[in-house]
Amino acid sequence: MNNNTIKKDEVLKRIKIAKGHLDKVRRMYEDGAYCPDIIHQSKAVQAALKKIDQMILHGHLHSCVLKDLHGDSNKNEKLIDEIVELFEKT
């Protein structure tokens, strides 16, 4: 892993934070909290997950894609299609 890749510990830390936010959403909903407050907390979960996705994609691009792009053009096309698919699902 080089300096451009994200460390596994940092991603796991952010996953734990996102889980904590999600647990808070559940508790708020169960306790009948004010709906806009629940939505605000839910948005925090979504933002945390989006950041996690970005970090993982960044690591993937640096650790897998860059080293594989210098070879077979069919493989390159497959790698590009894989990344485009990720964005189509969002």
N, C-alpha and C. Protein backbone atom coordinates (compact mmCIF):
# COMPACT_ATOMS: atom_id res chain seq x y z
N MET A 1 0.85 -1.17 0.00
CA MET A 1 0.00 0.00 0.00
C MET A 1 0.90 1.24 0.00
N ASN A 2 0.65 2.18 -0.93
CA ASN A 2 1.48 3.37 -0.97
C ASN A 2 0.79 4.54 -0.28
N ASN A 3 1.41 5.70 -0.31
CA ASN A 3 0.88 6.87 0.38
C ASN A 3 -0.45 7.35 -0.19
N ASN A 4 -0.77 6.99 -1.42
CA ASN A 4 -2.01 7.44 -2.06
C ASN A 4 -3.20 6.58 -1.68
N THR A 5 -2.98 5.46 -1.06
CA THR A 5 -4.09 4.59 -0.70
C THR A 5 -4.54 4.86 0.72
N ILE A 6 -5.78 4.52 0.96
CA ILE A 6 -6.39 4.74 2.27
C ILE A 6 -6.07 3.56 3.17
N LYS A 7 -5.76 3.84 4.39
CA LYS A 7 -5.45 2.78 5.34
C LYS A 7 -6.72 2.08 5.81
N LYS A 8 -6.64 0.78 5.93
CA LYS A 8 -7.76 -0.04 6.35
C LYS A 8 -8.32 0.41 7.69
N ASP A 9 -7.45 0.76 8.63
CA ASP A 9 -7.89 1.20 9.95
C ASP A 9 -8.79 2.43 9.88
N GLU A 10 -8.47 3.34 8.98
CA GLU A 10 -9.28 4.57 8.84
C GLU A 10 -10.67 4.25 8.30
N VAL A 11 -10.75 3.34 7.33
CA VAL A 11 -12.05 2.95 6.79
C VAL A 11 -12.87 2.25 7.88
N LEU A 12 -12.24 1.33 8.61
CA LEU A 12 -12.96 0.62 9.68
C LEU A 12 -13.43 1.59 10.76
N LYS A 13 -12.63 2.59 11.07
CA LYS A 13 -13.01 3.60 12.05
C LYS A 13 -14.26 4.34 11.57
N ARG A 14 -14.28 4.72 10.31
CA ARG A 14 -15.43 5.43 9.76
C ARG A 14 -16.68 4.54 9.70
N ILE A 15 -16.49 3.25 9.46
CA ILE A 15 -17.63 2.32 9.47
C ILE A 15 -18.23 2.26 10.87
N LYS A 16 -17.39 2.21 11.88
CA LYS A 16 -17.89 2.19 13.26
C LYS A 16 -18.65 3.47 13.59
N ILE A 17 -18.15 4.60 13.12
CA ILE A 17 -18.84 5.87 13.33
C ILE A 17 -20.20 5.86 12.64
N ALA A 18 -20.24 5.39 11.40
CA ALA A 18 -21.51 5.31 10.67
C ALA A 18 -22.49 4.40 11.38
N LYS A 19 -22.01 3.29 11.90
CA LYS A 19 -22.87 2.36 12.64
C LYS A 19 -23.44 3.05 13.88
N GLY A 20 -22.62 3.83 14.56
CA GLY A 20 -23.09 4.57 15.72
C GLY A 20 -24.19 5.55 15.35
N HIS A 21 -24.00 6.24 14.22
CA HIS A 21 -25.04 7.16 13.75
C HIS A 21 -26.33 6.41 13.43
N LEU A 22 -26.20 5.26 12.79
CA LEU A 22 -27.38 4.47 12.43
C LEU A 22 -28.09 3.95 13.68
N ASP A 23 -27.34 3.51 14.67
CA ASP A 23 -27.94 3.08 15.94
C ASP A 23 -28.72 4.24 16.57
N LYS A 24 -28.17 5.44 16.46
CA LYS A 24 -28.84 6.63 17.00
C LYS A 24 -30.15 6.88 16.27
N VAL A 25 -30.18 6.70 14.95
CA VAL A 25 -31.42 6.87 14.17
C VAL A 25 -32.47 5.89 14.67
N ARG A 26 -32.07 4.64 14.86
CA ARG A 26 -33.02 3.62 15.34
C ARG A 26 -33.58 4.00 16.71
N ARG A 27 -32.70 4.38 17.61
CA ARG A 27 -33.15 4.76 18.96
C ARG A 27 -34.08 5.98 18.92
N MET A 28 -33.73 6.95 18.11
CA MET A 28 -34.56 8.14 18.00
C MET A 28 -35.95 7.77 17.48
N TYR A 29 -35.99 6.91 16.48
CA TYR A 29 -37.27 6.51 15.91
C TYR A 29 -38.08 5.73 16.94
N GLU A 30 -37.43 4.80 17.61
CA GLU A 30 -38.12 4.01 18.64
C GLU A 30 -38.66 4.90 19.76
N ASP A 31 -37.94 5.95 20.10
CA ASP A 31 -38.33 6.84 21.19
C ASP A 31 -39.31 7.92 20.75
N GLY A 32 -39.63 7.93 19.46
CA GLY A 32 -40.60 8.91 18.96
C GLY A 32 -40.03 10.32 18.86
N ALA A 33 -38.76 10.43 18.54
CA ALA A 33 -38.12 11.75 18.42
C ALA A 33 -38.76 12.55 17.29
N TYR A 34 -38.53 13.82 17.32
CA TYR A 34 -39.03 14.75 16.31
C TYR A 34 -38.50 14.33 14.94
N CYS A 35 -39.41 14.13 13.99
CA CYS A 35 -39.07 13.57 12.68
C CYS A 35 -37.93 14.30 11.97
N PRO A 36 -37.94 15.64 11.91
CA PRO A 36 -36.81 16.31 11.26
C PRO A 36 -35.46 16.00 11.94
N ASP A 37 -35.47 15.79 13.25
CA ASP A 37 -34.24 15.42 13.94
C ASP A 37 -33.76 14.03 13.52
N ILE A 38 -34.71 13.13 13.34
CA ILE A 38 -34.36 11.77 12.88
C ILE A 38 -33.77 11.84 11.47
N ILE A 39 -34.41 12.61 10.62
CA ILE A 39 -33.92 12.74 9.24
C ILE A 39 -32.53 13.37 9.22
N HIS A 40 -32.31 14.36 10.06
CA HIS A 40 -30.99 14.99 10.15
C HIS A 40 -29.94 13.94 10.52
N GLN A 41 -30.24 13.09 11.47
CA GLN A 41 -29.31 12.04 11.88
C GLN A 41 -29.13 11.02 10.77
N SER A 42 -30.22 10.70 10.06
CA SER A 42 -30.14 9.77 8.94
C SER A 42 -29.24 10.32 7.83
N LYS A 43 -29.32 11.61 7.61
CA LYS A 43 -28.45 12.25 6.60
C LYS A 43 -26.97 12.11 7.00
N ALA A 44 -26.71 12.16 8.30
CA ALA A 44 -25.34 11.98 8.78
C ALA A 44 -24.85 10.57 8.45
N VAL A 45 -25.73 9.58 8.60
CA VAL A 45 -25.37 8.19 8.24
C VAL A 45 -25.05 8.11 6.75
N GLN A 46 -25.91 8.69 5.94
CA GLN A 46 -25.72 8.63 4.49
C GLN A 46 -24.42 9.32 4.07
N ALA A 47 -24.13 10.46 4.69
CA ALA A 47 -22.88 11.16 4.38
C ALA A 47 -21.67 10.33 4.79
N ALA A 48 -21.76 9.69 5.95
CA ALA A 48 -20.66 8.85 6.43
C ALA A 48 -20.44 7.67 5.48
N LEU A 49 -21.51 7.05 5.02
CA LEU A 49 -21.39 5.93 4.09
C LEU A 49 -20.82 6.38 2.75
N LYS A 50 -21.24 7.56 2.31
CA LYS A 50 -20.72 8.08 1.05
C LYS A 50 -19.21 8.30 1.16
N LYS A 51 -18.77 8.83 2.28
CA LYS A 51 -17.34 9.06 2.49
C LYS A 51 -16.58 7.72 2.51
N ILE A 52 -17.17 6.72 3.15
CA ILE A 52 -16.55 5.39 3.18
C ILE A 52 -16.41 4.84 1.76
N ASP A 53 -17.46 4.98 0.96
CA ASP A 53 -17.41 4.53 -0.43
C ASP A 53 -16.30 5.24 -1.19
N GLN A 54 -16.17 6.55 -0.99
CA GLN A 54 -15.13 7.31 -1.67
C GLN A 54 -13.74 6.82 -1.27
N MET A 55 -13.57 6.56 0.01
CA MET A 55 -12.27 6.09 0.49
C MET A 55 -11.92 4.72 -0.09
N ILE A 56 -12.90 3.84 -0.12
CA ILE A 56 -12.67 2.50 -0.66
C ILE A 56 -12.38 2.57 -2.16
N LEU A 57 -13.14 3.40 -2.88
CA LEU A 57 -12.90 3.56 -4.31
C LEU A 57 -11.51 4.13 -4.57
N HIS A 58 -11.13 5.11 -3.79
CA HIS A 58 -9.80 5.71 -3.91
C HIS A 58 -8.72 4.62 -3.76
N GLY A 59 -8.86 3.82 -2.73
CA GLY A 59 -7.91 2.73 -2.51
C GLY A 59 -7.90 1.74 -3.66
N HIS A 60 -9.09 1.41 -4.16
CA HIS A 60 -9.20 0.46 -5.27
C HIS A 60 -8.52 1.01 -6.52
N LEU A 61 -8.76 2.28 -6.81
CA LEU A 61 -8.15 2.88 -8.00
C LEU A 61 -6.63 2.85 -7.91
N HIS A 62 -6.10 3.12 -6.72
CA HIS A 62 -4.65 3.14 -6.57
C HIS A 62 -4.03 1.75 -6.44
N SER A 63 -4.72 0.85 -5.77
CA SER A 63 -4.09 -0.45 -5.52
C SER A 63 -4.38 -1.48 -6.60
N CYS A 64 -5.48 -1.36 -7.28
CA CYS A 64 -5.85 -2.38 -8.27
C CYS A 64 -5.86 -1.84 -9.70
N VAL A 65 -6.59 -0.77 -9.90
CA VAL A 65 -6.82 -0.29 -11.26
C VAL A 65 -5.54 0.23 -11.91
N LEU A 66 -4.82 1.08 -11.21
CA LEU A 66 -3.61 1.66 -11.82
C LEU A 66 -2.63 0.60 -12.28
N LYS A 67 -2.41 -0.41 -11.46
CA LYS A 67 -1.43 -1.43 -11.85
C LYS A 67 -1.94 -2.31 -12.99
N ASP A 68 -3.27 -2.44 -13.13
CA ASP A 68 -3.83 -3.30 -14.17
C ASP A 68 -4.09 -2.57 -15.49
N LEU A 69 -4.06 -1.26 -15.51
CA LEU A 69 -4.39 -0.51 -16.72
C LEU A 69 -3.30 -0.55 -17.79
N HIS A 70 -2.16 -1.05 -17.48
CA HIS A 70 -1.05 -1.01 -18.43
C HIS A 70 -0.98 -2.25 -19.32
N GLY A 71 -1.95 -3.11 -19.23
CA GLY A 71 -1.89 -4.35 -19.99
C GLY A 71 -2.91 -4.43 -21.10
N ASP A 72 -3.59 -5.54 -21.13
CA ASP A 72 -4.56 -5.91 -22.15
C ASP A 72 -5.69 -4.89 -22.25
N SER A 73 -5.99 -4.42 -23.47
CA SER A 73 -7.04 -3.41 -23.65
C SER A 73 -8.42 -3.95 -23.30
N ASN A 74 -8.65 -5.27 -23.48
CA ASN A 74 -9.93 -5.86 -23.08
C ASN A 74 -10.10 -5.80 -21.57
N LYS A 75 -9.02 -6.06 -20.85
CA LYS A 75 -9.05 -5.99 -19.39
C LYS A 75 -9.26 -4.55 -18.94
N ASN A 76 -8.62 -3.61 -19.63
CA ASN A 76 -8.80 -2.19 -19.32
C ASN A 76 -10.26 -1.79 -19.45
N GLU A 77 -10.88 -2.23 -20.52
CA GLU A 77 -12.29 -1.90 -20.76
C GLU A 77 -13.17 -2.49 -19.66
N LYS A 78 -12.86 -3.68 -19.23
CA LYS A 78 -13.61 -4.32 -18.15
C LYS A 78 -13.47 -3.52 -16.85
N LEU A 79 -12.26 -3.06 -16.55
CA LEU A 79 -12.03 -2.25 -15.36
C LEU A 79 -12.82 -0.95 -15.41
N ILE A 80 -12.81 -0.31 -16.55
CA ILE A 80 -13.56 0.94 -16.72
C ILE A 80 -15.05 0.69 -16.57
N ASP A 81 -15.56 -0.37 -17.19
CA ASP A 81 -16.98 -0.72 -17.08
C ASP A 81 -17.37 -0.98 -15.63
N GLU A 82 -16.49 -1.64 -14.90
CA GLU A 82 -16.75 -1.94 -13.48
C GLU A 82 -16.93 -0.65 -12.67
N ILE A 83 -16.07 0.31 -12.92
CA ILE A 83 -16.15 1.58 -12.20
C ILE A 83 -17.39 2.37 -12.60
N VAL A 84 -17.68 2.40 -13.89
CA VAL A 84 -18.87 3.11 -14.36
C VAL A 84 -20.12 2.49 -13.74
N GLU A 85 -20.17 1.17 -13.65
CA GLU A 85 -21.31 0.48 -13.02
C GLU A 85 -21.52 0.94 -11.59
N LEU A 86 -20.45 1.12 -10.85
CA LEU A 86 -20.55 1.58 -9.47
C LEU A 86 -21.31 2.90 -9.40
N PHE A 87 -21.02 3.80 -10.31
CA PHE A 87 -21.67 5.10 -10.30
C PHE A 87 -23.11 5.05 -10.82
N GLU A 88 -23.41 4.10 -11.66
CA GLU A 88 -24.77 3.95 -12.16
C GLU A 88 -25.71 3.46 -11.07
N LYS A 89 -25.19 2.77 -10.07
CA LYS A 89 -26.01 2.22 -9.00
C LYS A 89 -26.33 3.24 -7.92
N THR A 90 -25.72 4.42 -7.99
CA THR A 90 -25.96 5.43 -6.96
C THR A 90 -27.03 6.40 -7.34
